[in-house]
Amino acid sequence: MKEKLYIRANFLALFTIFYNLVEGGASVWLGASDETLALFGFGVDSFIEVISAIGVWHMLRRIKANEGETRDEFEQRALRITGVAFYVLSAGLVLTAGINLYGQHKPETTLWGIVISLLSMSFMWYLIRQKTKVGTALNSPAILADAACSKACLYLSLVLMISSLGYELTGIASLDAIGAILISWLTLREGQEAFGKARGMSCSCSCNCSNIRVDTP
């Protein structure tokens, strides 16, 4: 039974990686084509999530091998890269959104933002439920933390949908830029969380090392 649960968890991690790659590619391309900043930023966020998801998948392989749920150097580096990428994305979105607000830039359409956000919310809801179910059954904090990451993606999708739908219904130019700013705020929080996890790993390693006693002859 436990073996099947880990196989399921591994499938969910790989599905998350694959889905984010497809979603990111489509969102960046369509966002650039339609000059939709919120959708473009959402797509870049999906690519960054892939780095984090690879770290989770790597962790699951070690958990299955009975190496425990402590993160190793690979995962710590992945978290730091993820954190920096989220910070850069947040700064870029705020700067570009400010320029768009000043120039009252209007995207050609935000229809694709609505479509992609609805698809994303559907998939994220599925991943949250499944990861929570597997994580609870295995009593795994790592898998439950991964479910929380999927929940953050759900919030991003909701922001994208509201800003995209609002623009389509009202034609107010600033809604796309405001949606991008809200996305930047969420990605900033994700960056802070990634660095927090990386620092926690360093602290844990230091604590463990300090407890090692070396006997001198």
N, C-alpha and C. Protein backbone atom coordinates (compact mmCIF):
# COMPACT_ATOMS: atom_id res chain seq x y z
N MET A 1 0.83 -1.21 0.00
CA MET A 1 0.00 0.00 0.00
C MET A 1 0.86 1.26 0.00
N LYS A 2 1.89 1.27 0.86
CA LYS A 2 2.78 2.43 0.96
C LYS A 2 3.53 2.63 -0.35
N GLU A 3 3.94 1.53 -0.99
CA GLU A 3 4.65 1.59 -2.25
C GLU A 3 3.78 2.25 -3.33
N LYS A 4 2.50 1.88 -3.35
CA LYS A 4 1.57 2.46 -4.32
C LYS A 4 1.38 3.96 -4.08
N LEU A 5 1.36 4.36 -2.82
CA LEU A 5 1.20 5.78 -2.49
C LEU A 5 2.40 6.60 -2.97
N TYR A 6 3.61 6.04 -2.83
CA TYR A 6 4.79 6.75 -3.30
C TYR A 6 4.84 6.81 -4.83
N ILE A 7 4.36 5.77 -5.47
CA ILE A 7 4.26 5.79 -6.94
C ILE A 7 3.28 6.88 -7.37
N ARG A 8 2.19 6.99 -6.62
CA ARG A 8 1.20 8.03 -6.90
C ARG A 8 1.78 9.43 -6.69
N ALA A 9 2.51 9.59 -5.61
CA ALA A 9 3.14 10.88 -5.31
C ALA A 9 4.15 11.25 -6.39
N ASN A 10 4.90 10.27 -6.86
CA ASN A 10 5.88 10.51 -7.92
C ASN A 10 5.20 10.93 -9.21
N PHE A 11 4.07 10.27 -9.52
CA PHE A 11 3.30 10.63 -10.72
C PHE A 11 2.79 12.07 -10.62
N LEU A 12 2.29 12.45 -9.46
CA LEU A 12 1.77 13.81 -9.27
C LEU A 12 2.88 14.85 -9.42
N ALA A 13 4.07 14.54 -8.93
CA ALA A 13 5.19 15.46 -9.06
C ALA A 13 5.59 15.63 -10.52
N LEU A 14 5.68 14.51 -11.25
CA LEU A 14 6.04 14.58 -12.67
C LEU A 14 4.94 15.27 -13.48
N PHE A 15 3.69 15.02 -13.13
CA PHE A 15 2.58 15.67 -13.82
C PHE A 15 2.65 17.18 -13.60
N THR A 16 3.00 17.60 -12.39
CA THR A 16 3.13 19.03 -12.08
C THR A 16 4.20 19.68 -12.95
N ILE A 17 5.34 18.99 -13.11
CA ILE A 17 6.43 19.50 -13.94
C ILE A 17 5.97 19.63 -15.39
N PHE A 18 5.38 18.58 -15.92
CA PHE A 18 4.94 18.57 -17.32
C PHE A 18 3.86 19.63 -17.56
N TYR A 19 2.89 19.69 -16.66
CA TYR A 19 1.80 20.66 -16.84
C TYR A 19 2.32 22.10 -16.81
N ASN A 20 3.21 22.41 -15.87
CA ASN A 20 3.73 23.77 -15.77
C ASN A 20 4.54 24.16 -17.00
N LEU A 21 5.25 23.20 -17.60
CA LEU A 21 5.99 23.48 -18.83
C LEU A 21 5.03 23.84 -19.96
N VAL A 22 3.98 23.06 -20.11
CA VAL A 22 2.99 23.33 -21.17
C VAL A 22 2.26 24.65 -20.91
N GLU A 23 1.80 24.82 -19.68
CA GLU A 23 1.07 26.03 -19.31
C GLU A 23 1.96 27.27 -19.46
N GLY A 24 3.21 27.16 -19.02
CA GLY A 24 4.13 28.29 -19.12
C GLY A 24 4.40 28.68 -20.56
N GLY A 25 4.65 27.68 -21.41
CA GLY A 25 4.91 27.96 -22.82
C GLY A 25 3.73 28.64 -23.50
N ALA A 26 2.53 28.10 -23.28
CA ALA A 26 1.33 28.67 -23.89
C ALA A 26 1.06 30.08 -23.37
N SER A 27 1.22 30.28 -22.06
CA SER A 27 0.91 31.58 -21.46
C SER A 27 1.89 32.67 -21.92
N VAL A 28 3.18 32.34 -21.96
CA VAL A 28 4.19 33.32 -22.39
C VAL A 28 3.97 33.69 -23.86
N TRP A 29 3.74 32.69 -24.69
CA TRP A 29 3.55 32.94 -26.12
C TRP A 29 2.29 33.76 -26.39
N LEU A 30 1.18 33.36 -25.78
CA LEU A 30 -0.08 34.07 -25.99
C LEU A 30 -0.05 35.45 -25.33
N GLY A 31 0.59 35.54 -24.16
CA GLY A 31 0.69 36.82 -23.48
C GLY A 31 1.50 37.82 -24.29
N ALA A 32 2.59 37.35 -24.90
CA ALA A 32 3.42 38.22 -25.73
C ALA A 32 2.68 38.60 -27.02
N SER A 33 1.96 37.64 -27.60
CA SER A 33 1.23 37.90 -28.86
C SER A 33 0.12 38.93 -28.65
N ASP A 34 -0.61 38.81 -27.55
CA ASP A 34 -1.74 39.71 -27.28
C ASP A 34 -1.36 40.90 -26.42
N GLU A 35 -0.06 41.01 -26.07
CA GLU A 35 0.44 42.09 -25.21
C GLU A 35 -0.33 42.14 -23.88
N THR A 36 -0.54 40.94 -23.33
CA THR A 36 -1.23 40.81 -22.05
C THR A 36 -0.20 40.54 -20.96
N LEU A 37 0.07 41.55 -20.16
CA LEU A 37 1.13 41.46 -19.16
C LEU A 37 0.82 40.42 -18.09
N ALA A 38 -0.42 40.39 -17.60
CA ALA A 38 -0.79 39.45 -16.54
C ALA A 38 -0.59 38.01 -17.00
N LEU A 39 -1.01 37.70 -18.23
CA LEU A 39 -0.87 36.34 -18.75
C LEU A 39 0.60 35.99 -18.97
N PHE A 40 1.38 36.94 -19.47
CA PHE A 40 2.81 36.72 -19.69
C PHE A 40 3.51 36.43 -18.35
N GLY A 41 3.23 37.23 -17.33
CA GLY A 41 3.82 37.02 -16.02
C GLY A 41 3.41 35.70 -15.41
N PHE A 42 2.15 35.33 -15.62
CA PHE A 42 1.65 34.05 -15.14
C PHE A 42 2.43 32.91 -15.77
N GLY A 43 2.74 33.04 -17.07
CA GLY A 43 3.49 32.00 -17.77
C GLY A 43 4.91 31.86 -17.25
N VAL A 44 5.57 33.00 -17.01
CA VAL A 44 6.93 32.96 -16.47
C VAL A 44 6.92 32.30 -15.09
N ASP A 45 5.90 32.61 -14.30
CA ASP A 45 5.76 31.99 -12.98
C ASP A 45 5.68 30.47 -13.10
N SER A 46 4.97 29.99 -14.12
CA SER A 46 4.84 28.54 -14.32
C SER A 46 6.19 27.91 -14.58
N PHE A 47 7.04 28.58 -15.37
CA PHE A 47 8.37 28.05 -15.64
C PHE A 47 9.21 28.00 -14.36
N ILE A 48 9.08 29.02 -13.52
CA ILE A 48 9.83 29.03 -12.26
C ILE A 48 9.35 27.90 -11.35
N GLU A 49 8.05 27.64 -11.38
CA GLU A 49 7.50 26.56 -10.56
C GLU A 49 8.08 25.21 -10.94
N VAL A 50 8.51 25.08 -12.20
CA VAL A 50 9.11 23.82 -12.66
C VAL A 50 10.37 23.51 -11.86
N ILE A 51 11.18 24.54 -11.59
CA ILE A 51 12.42 24.35 -10.82
C ILE A 51 12.09 23.79 -9.44
N SER A 52 11.09 24.40 -8.80
CA SER A 52 10.68 23.95 -7.48
C SER A 52 10.12 22.52 -7.53
N ALA A 53 9.32 22.25 -8.57
CA ALA A 53 8.70 20.93 -8.71
C ALA A 53 9.76 19.84 -8.91
N ILE A 54 10.84 20.17 -9.64
CA ILE A 54 11.92 19.21 -9.83
C ILE A 54 12.58 18.88 -8.49
N GLY A 55 12.74 19.90 -7.64
CA GLY A 55 13.28 19.68 -6.31
C GLY A 55 12.41 18.75 -5.49
N VAL A 56 11.09 18.93 -5.59
CA VAL A 56 10.15 18.07 -4.87
C VAL A 56 10.23 16.63 -5.39
N TRP A 57 10.29 16.49 -6.71
CA TRP A 57 10.40 15.16 -7.30
C TRP A 57 11.68 14.46 -6.85
N HIS A 58 12.77 15.23 -6.80
CA HIS A 58 14.05 14.69 -6.33
C HIS A 58 13.94 14.23 -4.86
N MET A 59 13.24 15.03 -4.06
CA MET A 59 13.04 14.68 -2.66
C MET A 59 12.23 13.39 -2.52
N LEU A 60 11.18 13.26 -3.31
CA LEU A 60 10.34 12.07 -3.24
C LEU A 60 11.14 10.80 -3.54
N ARG A 61 12.07 10.90 -4.47
CA ARG A 61 12.90 9.73 -4.79
C ARG A 61 13.75 9.33 -3.59
N ARG A 62 14.25 10.32 -2.86
CA ARG A 62 15.06 10.01 -1.68
C ARG A 62 14.21 9.49 -0.53
N ILE A 63 12.99 10.04 -0.40
CA ILE A 63 12.08 9.56 0.65
C ILE A 63 11.76 8.08 0.42
N LYS A 64 11.50 7.75 -0.84
CA LYS A 64 11.18 6.37 -1.19
C LYS A 64 12.35 5.44 -0.87
N ALA A 65 13.56 5.97 -0.98
CA ALA A 65 14.75 5.18 -0.68
C ALA A 65 15.09 5.19 0.81
N ASN A 66 14.12 5.67 1.62
CA ASN A 66 14.26 5.72 3.08
C ASN A 66 15.42 6.60 3.54
N GLU A 67 15.63 7.72 2.82
CA GLU A 67 16.66 8.65 3.22
C GLU A 67 16.10 9.83 4.03
N GLY A 68 14.83 9.77 4.35
CA GLY A 68 14.22 10.82 5.16
C GLY A 68 13.73 12.00 4.33
N GLU A 69 13.06 12.94 5.01
CA GLU A 69 12.47 14.08 4.31
C GLU A 69 13.32 15.34 4.41
N THR A 70 14.54 15.23 4.91
CA THR A 70 15.41 16.40 4.93
C THR A 70 15.91 16.69 3.52
N ARG A 71 15.95 17.97 3.16
CA ARG A 71 16.39 18.34 1.82
C ARG A 71 17.91 18.29 1.72
N ASP A 72 18.42 17.94 0.54
CA ASP A 72 19.86 17.89 0.35
C ASP A 72 20.34 19.15 -0.38
N GLU A 73 21.62 19.16 -0.76
CA GLU A 73 22.22 20.35 -1.38
C GLU A 73 21.54 20.70 -2.69
N PHE A 74 21.15 19.70 -3.47
CA PHE A 74 20.48 19.93 -4.74
C PHE A 74 19.19 20.71 -4.55
N GLU A 75 18.39 20.28 -3.58
CA GLU A 75 17.11 20.94 -3.32
C GLU A 75 17.30 22.33 -2.75
N GLN A 76 18.33 22.50 -1.91
CA GLN A 76 18.62 23.82 -1.35
C GLN A 76 18.99 24.80 -2.46
N ARG A 77 19.80 24.35 -3.41
CA ARG A 77 20.17 25.20 -4.53
C ARG A 77 18.96 25.51 -5.40
N ALA A 78 18.10 24.52 -5.61
CA ALA A 78 16.89 24.74 -6.41
C ALA A 78 15.98 25.78 -5.76
N LEU A 79 15.87 25.72 -4.42
CA LEU A 79 15.04 26.69 -3.71
C LEU A 79 15.60 28.10 -3.84
N ARG A 80 16.91 28.23 -3.76
CA ARG A 80 17.53 29.56 -3.86
C ARG A 80 17.36 30.13 -5.28
N ILE A 81 17.54 29.28 -6.29
CA ILE A 81 17.35 29.73 -7.67
C ILE A 81 15.90 30.15 -7.88
N THR A 82 14.98 29.34 -7.32
CA THR A 82 13.56 29.67 -7.41
C THR A 82 13.25 31.01 -6.75
N GLY A 83 13.82 31.22 -5.55
CA GLY A 83 13.60 32.47 -4.84
C GLY A 83 14.07 33.69 -5.61
N VAL A 84 15.30 33.61 -6.16
CA VAL A 84 15.85 34.72 -6.95
C VAL A 84 14.98 34.97 -8.18
N ALA A 85 14.57 33.90 -8.87
CA ALA A 85 13.75 34.04 -10.07
C ALA A 85 12.41 34.71 -9.75
N PHE A 86 11.81 34.34 -8.62
CA PHE A 86 10.55 34.96 -8.23
C PHE A 86 10.74 36.45 -7.94
N TYR A 87 11.83 36.81 -7.29
CA TYR A 87 12.11 38.22 -6.99
C TYR A 87 12.30 39.03 -8.28
N VAL A 88 13.05 38.46 -9.23
CA VAL A 88 13.27 39.15 -10.51
C VAL A 88 11.95 39.32 -11.26
N LEU A 89 11.14 38.25 -11.26
CA LEU A 89 9.83 38.32 -11.92
C LEU A 89 8.96 39.39 -11.29
N SER A 90 8.92 39.44 -9.96
CA SER A 90 8.10 40.43 -9.26
C SER A 90 8.52 41.85 -9.63
N ALA A 91 9.84 42.10 -9.62
CA ALA A 91 10.34 43.44 -9.96
C ALA A 91 10.01 43.80 -11.40
N GLY A 92 10.19 42.84 -12.31
CA GLY A 92 9.89 43.09 -13.72
C GLY A 92 8.43 43.38 -13.97
N LEU A 93 7.56 42.64 -13.28
CA LEU A 93 6.12 42.85 -13.46
C LEU A 93 5.68 44.22 -12.94
N VAL A 94 6.20 44.60 -11.77
CA VAL A 94 5.83 45.91 -11.20
C VAL A 94 6.30 47.04 -12.11
N LEU A 95 7.54 46.94 -12.60
CA LEU A 95 8.09 47.99 -13.47
C LEU A 95 7.28 48.10 -14.76
N THR A 96 7.03 46.96 -15.41
CA THR A 96 6.29 46.98 -16.67
C THR A 96 4.85 47.41 -16.46
N ALA A 97 4.24 46.97 -15.35
CA ALA A 97 2.87 47.37 -15.05
C ALA A 97 2.78 48.88 -14.84
N GLY A 98 3.80 49.44 -14.17
CA GLY A 98 3.83 50.89 -13.96
C GLY A 98 3.90 51.64 -15.28
N ILE A 99 4.73 51.16 -16.19
CA ILE A 99 4.84 51.78 -17.52
C ILE A 99 3.51 51.68 -18.27
N ASN A 100 2.88 50.51 -18.20
CA ASN A 100 1.60 50.32 -18.89
C ASN A 100 0.49 51.19 -18.31
N LEU A 101 0.50 51.34 -16.98
CA LEU A 101 -0.50 52.20 -16.35
C LEU A 101 -0.30 53.66 -16.77
N TYR A 102 0.95 54.09 -16.82
CA TYR A 102 1.24 55.46 -17.22
C TYR A 102 0.83 55.73 -18.66
N GLY A 103 1.10 54.75 -19.53
CA GLY A 103 0.76 54.93 -20.94
C GLY A 103 -0.63 54.45 -21.31
N GLN A 104 -1.40 53.97 -20.32
CA GLN A 104 -2.75 53.45 -20.56
C GLN A 104 -2.76 52.41 -21.69
N HIS A 105 -1.78 51.51 -21.62
CA HIS A 105 -1.67 50.47 -22.63
C HIS A 105 -2.82 49.48 -22.51
N LYS A 106 -3.37 49.11 -23.67
CA LYS A 106 -4.46 48.13 -23.70
C LYS A 106 -4.01 46.87 -24.42
N PRO A 107 -4.22 45.70 -23.81
CA PRO A 107 -3.91 44.45 -24.52
C PRO A 107 -4.88 44.24 -25.66
N GLU A 108 -4.48 43.47 -26.65
CA GLU A 108 -5.38 43.20 -27.78
C GLU A 108 -6.62 42.44 -27.31
N THR A 109 -6.39 41.46 -26.45
CA THR A 109 -7.49 40.69 -25.85
C THR A 109 -6.97 39.97 -24.62
N THR A 110 -7.85 39.68 -23.69
CA THR A 110 -7.47 38.89 -22.51
C THR A 110 -8.26 37.58 -22.47
N LEU A 111 -8.84 37.24 -23.63
CA LEU A 111 -9.65 36.02 -23.70
C LEU A 111 -8.84 34.78 -23.34
N TRP A 112 -7.59 34.72 -23.83
CA TRP A 112 -6.78 33.55 -23.52
C TRP A 112 -6.42 33.48 -22.05
N GLY A 113 -6.35 34.63 -21.40
CA GLY A 113 -6.11 34.64 -19.96
C GLY A 113 -7.23 33.96 -19.20
N ILE A 114 -8.47 34.18 -19.67
CA ILE A 114 -9.64 33.55 -19.05
C ILE A 114 -9.59 32.04 -19.25
N VAL A 115 -9.30 31.62 -20.49
CA VAL A 115 -9.27 30.19 -20.82
C VAL A 115 -8.19 29.47 -20.02
N ILE A 116 -6.98 30.02 -20.03
CA ILE A 116 -5.86 29.36 -19.34
C ILE A 116 -6.07 29.34 -17.84
N SER A 117 -6.59 30.43 -17.29
CA SER A 117 -6.82 30.47 -15.84
C SER A 117 -7.86 29.44 -15.40
N LEU A 118 -8.90 29.26 -16.19
CA LEU A 118 -9.92 28.26 -15.85
C LEU A 118 -9.34 26.85 -15.92
N LEU A 119 -8.54 26.58 -16.96
CA LEU A 119 -7.89 25.28 -17.06
C LEU A 119 -6.94 25.05 -15.89
N SER A 120 -6.18 26.09 -15.57
CA SER A 120 -5.21 25.97 -14.48
C SER A 120 -5.89 25.71 -13.15
N MET A 121 -6.98 26.42 -12.88
CA MET A 121 -7.69 26.21 -11.62
C MET A 121 -8.23 24.79 -11.51
N SER A 122 -8.68 24.26 -12.64
CA SER A 122 -9.19 22.88 -12.64
C SER A 122 -8.08 21.88 -12.30
N PHE A 123 -6.92 22.04 -12.97
CA PHE A 123 -5.81 21.12 -12.72
C PHE A 123 -5.24 21.31 -11.32
N MET A 124 -5.13 22.56 -10.86
CA MET A 124 -4.58 22.81 -9.52
C MET A 124 -5.49 22.24 -8.44
N TRP A 125 -6.79 22.35 -8.65
CA TRP A 125 -7.74 21.78 -7.69
C TRP A 125 -7.54 20.26 -7.59
N TYR A 126 -7.35 19.62 -8.75
CA TYR A 126 -7.09 18.18 -8.78
C TYR A 126 -5.80 17.85 -8.04
N LEU A 127 -4.73 18.61 -8.33
CA LEU A 127 -3.43 18.34 -7.70
C LEU A 127 -3.47 18.57 -6.19
N ILE A 128 -4.15 19.62 -5.76
CA ILE A 128 -4.26 19.90 -4.32
C ILE A 128 -4.94 18.74 -3.60
N ARG A 129 -6.05 18.29 -4.15
CA ARG A 129 -6.80 17.20 -3.53
C ARG A 129 -5.97 15.91 -3.47
N GLN A 130 -5.33 15.57 -4.59
CA GLN A 130 -4.58 14.32 -4.66
C GLN A 130 -3.32 14.36 -3.79
N LYS A 131 -2.59 15.48 -3.84
CA LYS A 131 -1.37 15.59 -3.03
C LYS A 131 -1.70 15.59 -1.54
N THR A 132 -2.79 16.26 -1.18
CA THR A 132 -3.20 16.27 0.22
C THR A 132 -3.60 14.87 0.68
N LYS A 133 -4.30 14.16 -0.17
CA LYS A 133 -4.74 12.80 0.16
C LYS A 133 -3.53 11.87 0.35
N VAL A 134 -2.58 11.93 -0.60
CA VAL A 134 -1.39 11.08 -0.51
C VAL A 134 -0.50 11.50 0.66
N GLY A 135 -0.31 12.81 0.83
CA GLY A 135 0.53 13.32 1.91
C GLY A 135 -0.01 12.95 3.28
N THR A 136 -1.33 13.00 3.42
CA THR A 136 -1.96 12.64 4.70
C THR A 136 -1.81 11.14 4.97
N ALA A 137 -2.03 10.34 3.92
CA ALA A 137 -1.92 8.89 4.08
C ALA A 137 -0.51 8.46 4.45
N LEU A 138 0.49 9.16 3.90
CA LEU A 138 1.89 8.82 4.19
C LEU A 138 2.43 9.59 5.38
N ASN A 139 1.62 10.51 5.92
CA ASN A 139 2.06 11.40 7.01
C ASN A 139 3.35 12.13 6.61
N SER A 140 3.32 12.68 5.38
CA SER A 140 4.52 13.29 4.79
C SER A 140 4.40 14.82 4.74
N PRO A 141 5.14 15.55 5.57
CA PRO A 141 5.14 17.01 5.52
C PRO A 141 5.60 17.54 4.16
N ALA A 142 6.53 16.84 3.50
CA ALA A 142 7.05 17.29 2.21
C ALA A 142 5.95 17.30 1.14
N ILE A 143 5.18 16.23 1.08
CA ILE A 143 4.11 16.15 0.08
C ILE A 143 3.00 17.14 0.40
N LEU A 144 2.69 17.32 1.68
CA LEU A 144 1.68 18.29 2.08
C LEU A 144 2.14 19.72 1.76
N ALA A 145 3.44 19.98 1.89
CA ALA A 145 3.98 21.29 1.54
C ALA A 145 3.87 21.51 0.03
N ASP A 146 4.05 20.45 -0.73
CA ASP A 146 3.90 20.54 -2.19
C ASP A 146 2.45 20.85 -2.55
N ALA A 147 1.51 20.30 -1.80
CA ALA A 147 0.09 20.60 -2.01
C ALA A 147 -0.18 22.08 -1.74
N ALA A 148 0.51 22.64 -0.74
CA ALA A 148 0.36 24.06 -0.44
C ALA A 148 0.89 24.92 -1.58
N CYS A 149 1.95 24.46 -2.26
CA CYS A 149 2.48 25.18 -3.43
C CYS A 149 1.45 25.20 -4.56
N SER A 150 0.77 24.08 -4.74
CA SER A 150 -0.28 24.02 -5.76
C SER A 150 -1.43 24.97 -5.41
N LYS A 151 -1.67 25.14 -4.12
CA LYS A 151 -2.71 26.08 -3.69
C LYS A 151 -2.32 27.51 -4.04
N ALA A 152 -1.02 27.84 -3.91
CA ALA A 152 -0.55 29.17 -4.28
C ALA A 152 -0.75 29.40 -5.78
N CYS A 153 -0.53 28.36 -6.58
CA CYS A 153 -0.76 28.45 -8.02
C CYS A 153 -2.24 28.67 -8.32
N LEU A 154 -3.10 28.08 -7.51
CA LEU A 154 -4.54 28.28 -7.67
C LEU A 154 -4.91 29.74 -7.45
N TYR A 155 -4.30 30.39 -6.45
CA TYR A 155 -4.55 31.80 -6.20
C TYR A 155 -4.08 32.67 -7.36
N LEU A 156 -2.92 32.33 -7.93
CA LEU A 156 -2.42 33.05 -9.09
C LEU A 156 -3.39 32.94 -10.26
N SER A 157 -3.92 31.74 -10.46
CA SER A 157 -4.89 31.52 -11.55
C SER A 157 -6.15 32.35 -11.33
N LEU A 158 -6.57 32.45 -10.08
CA LEU A 158 -7.77 33.22 -9.76
C LEU A 158 -7.56 34.70 -10.06
N VAL A 159 -6.38 35.22 -9.71
CA VAL A 159 -6.07 36.63 -10.00
C VAL A 159 -6.07 36.86 -11.50
N LEU A 160 -5.45 35.94 -12.26
CA LEU A 160 -5.41 36.06 -13.71
C LEU A 160 -6.82 36.06 -14.29
N MET A 161 -7.68 35.18 -13.80
CA MET A 161 -9.04 35.10 -14.32
C MET A 161 -9.82 36.39 -14.05
N ILE A 162 -9.71 36.91 -12.83
CA ILE A 162 -10.46 38.12 -12.47
C ILE A 162 -10.02 39.31 -13.30
N SER A 163 -8.69 39.49 -13.44
CA SER A 163 -8.20 40.63 -14.22
C SER A 163 -8.53 40.48 -15.70
N SER A 164 -8.41 39.27 -16.23
CA SER A 164 -8.70 39.03 -17.65
C SER A 164 -10.18 39.20 -17.94
N LEU A 165 -11.02 38.63 -17.09
CA LEU A 165 -12.47 38.74 -17.27
C LEU A 165 -12.92 40.19 -17.10
N GLY A 166 -12.33 40.88 -16.13
CA GLY A 166 -12.69 42.27 -15.90
C GLY A 166 -12.40 43.14 -17.10
N TYR A 167 -11.25 42.90 -17.75
CA TYR A 167 -10.91 43.70 -18.93
C TYR A 167 -11.86 43.39 -20.08
N GLU A 168 -12.17 42.11 -20.29
CA GLU A 168 -13.07 41.74 -21.39
C GLU A 168 -14.46 42.34 -21.22
N LEU A 169 -14.90 42.46 -19.96
CA LEU A 169 -16.25 42.98 -19.69
C LEU A 169 -16.32 44.51 -19.70
N THR A 170 -15.24 45.16 -19.28
CA THR A 170 -15.28 46.61 -19.12
C THR A 170 -14.39 47.37 -20.09
N GLY A 171 -13.32 46.73 -20.56
CA GLY A 171 -12.40 47.42 -21.46
C GLY A 171 -11.49 48.42 -20.74
N ILE A 172 -11.48 48.38 -19.40
CA ILE A 172 -10.63 49.30 -18.63
C ILE A 172 -9.17 48.87 -18.78
N ALA A 173 -8.36 49.76 -19.33
CA ALA A 173 -6.98 49.43 -19.68
C ALA A 173 -6.15 49.02 -18.48
N SER A 174 -6.41 49.61 -17.33
CA SER A 174 -5.56 49.40 -16.16
C SER A 174 -5.74 48.03 -15.52
N LEU A 175 -6.81 47.31 -15.84
CA LEU A 175 -7.08 46.05 -15.16
C LEU A 175 -6.02 45.00 -15.42
N ASP A 176 -5.48 44.95 -16.64
CA ASP A 176 -4.42 43.99 -16.95
C ASP A 176 -3.17 44.29 -16.13
N ALA A 177 -2.82 45.58 -16.04
CA ALA A 177 -1.64 45.97 -15.26
C ALA A 177 -1.84 45.72 -13.77
N ILE A 178 -3.05 45.99 -13.28
CA ILE A 178 -3.34 45.74 -11.87
C ILE A 178 -3.25 44.25 -11.56
N GLY A 179 -3.76 43.43 -12.49
CA GLY A 179 -3.65 41.98 -12.32
C GLY A 179 -2.20 41.54 -12.27
N ALA A 180 -1.34 42.16 -13.10
CA ALA A 180 0.08 41.83 -13.10
C ALA A 180 0.73 42.22 -11.77
N ILE A 181 0.31 43.36 -11.21
CA ILE A 181 0.86 43.80 -9.92
C ILE A 181 0.46 42.83 -8.81
N LEU A 182 -0.78 42.37 -8.84
CA LEU A 182 -1.23 41.39 -7.84
C LEU A 182 -0.46 40.08 -7.98
N ILE A 183 -0.21 39.67 -9.23
CA ILE A 183 0.58 38.46 -9.46
C ILE A 183 1.99 38.65 -8.93
N SER A 184 2.55 39.85 -9.13
CA SER A 184 3.91 40.13 -8.63
C SER A 184 3.96 40.04 -7.11
N TRP A 185 2.89 40.46 -6.45
CA TRP A 185 2.85 40.38 -4.98
C TRP A 185 2.84 38.92 -4.53
N LEU A 186 2.08 38.09 -5.24
CA LEU A 186 2.03 36.67 -4.90
C LEU A 186 3.37 35.98 -5.19
N THR A 187 4.01 36.34 -6.31
CA THR A 187 5.30 35.73 -6.62
C THR A 187 6.38 36.20 -5.64
N LEU A 188 6.25 37.42 -5.15
CA LEU A 188 7.19 37.90 -4.14
C LEU A 188 7.08 37.06 -2.87
N ARG A 189 5.86 36.74 -2.48
CA ARG A 189 5.65 35.89 -1.30
C ARG A 189 6.21 34.49 -1.54
N GLU A 190 6.04 33.98 -2.77
CA GLU A 190 6.60 32.66 -3.09
C GLU A 190 8.12 32.68 -3.01
N GLY A 191 8.73 33.78 -3.45
CA GLY A 191 10.17 33.92 -3.36
C GLY A 191 10.65 33.94 -1.92
N GLN A 192 9.92 34.68 -1.07
CA GLN A 192 10.27 34.74 0.35
C GLN A 192 10.15 33.36 0.99
N GLU A 193 9.11 32.62 0.59
CA GLU A 193 8.92 31.27 1.15
C GLU A 193 10.04 30.33 0.71
N ALA A 194 10.46 30.46 -0.56
CA ALA A 194 11.55 29.61 -1.06
C ALA A 194 12.84 29.86 -0.29
N PHE A 195 13.18 31.14 -0.07
CA PHE A 195 14.39 31.47 0.68
C PHE A 195 14.26 31.03 2.14
N GLY A 196 13.03 31.14 2.69
CA GLY A 196 12.80 30.70 4.06
C GLY A 196 13.05 29.22 4.21
N LYS A 197 12.62 28.42 3.24
CA LYS A 197 12.86 26.98 3.28
C LYS A 197 14.35 26.68 3.16
N ALA A 198 15.03 27.42 2.28
CA ALA A 198 16.47 27.20 2.10
C ALA A 198 17.23 27.53 3.38
N ARG A 199 16.84 28.63 4.05
CA ARG A 199 17.50 29.00 5.31
C ARG A 199 17.22 27.96 6.39
N GLY A 200 15.99 27.44 6.40
CA GLY A 200 15.63 26.41 7.37
C GLY A 200 16.47 25.16 7.20
N MET A 201 16.78 24.84 5.94
CA MET A 201 17.62 23.68 5.68
C MET A 201 19.03 23.91 6.19
N SER A 202 19.55 25.14 5.97
CA SER A 202 20.91 25.45 6.44
C SER A 202 20.97 25.39 7.96
N CYS A 203 19.91 25.92 8.60
CA CYS A 203 19.86 25.92 10.06
C CYS A 203 19.81 24.50 10.59
N SER A 204 19.00 23.66 9.93
CA SER A 204 18.87 22.26 10.35
C SER A 204 20.20 21.55 10.22
N CYS A 205 20.90 21.84 9.11
CA CYS A 205 22.19 21.19 8.90
C CYS A 205 23.19 21.62 9.97
N SER A 206 23.18 22.93 10.30
CA SER A 206 24.10 23.45 11.31
C SER A 206 23.82 22.83 12.67
N CYS A 207 22.53 22.71 12.99
CA CYS A 207 22.14 22.14 14.29
C CYS A 207 22.58 20.69 14.38
N ASN A 208 22.38 19.95 13.27
CA ASN A 208 22.76 18.54 13.28
C ASN A 208 24.26 18.40 13.41
N CYS A 209 25.00 19.28 12.70
CA CYS A 209 26.45 19.20 12.77
C CYS A 209 26.97 19.56 14.15
N SER A 210 26.30 20.49 14.82
CA SER A 210 26.77 20.93 16.14
C SER A 210 26.55 19.85 17.19
N ASN A 211 25.65 18.89 16.87
CA ASN A 211 25.39 17.83 17.84
C ASN A 211 26.34 16.65 17.70
N ILE A 212 27.19 16.74 16.66
CA ILE A 212 28.14 15.63 16.44
C ILE A 212 29.34 15.81 17.37
N ARG A 213 29.65 14.83 18.16
CA ARG A 213 30.78 14.92 19.09
C ARG A 213 31.96 14.17 18.52
N VAL A 214 33.10 14.83 18.54
CA VAL A 214 34.33 14.21 18.05
C VAL A 214 35.18 13.87 19.26
N ASP A 215 35.42 12.61 19.49
CA ASP A 215 36.24 12.17 20.62
C ASP A 215 37.71 12.20 20.25
N THR A 216 38.47 12.88 21.02
CA THR A 216 39.91 12.93 20.79
C THR A 216 40.59 11.82 21.56
N PRO A 217 41.58 11.23 20.97
CA PRO A 217 42.27 10.09 21.65
C PRO A 217 43.08 10.59 22.83
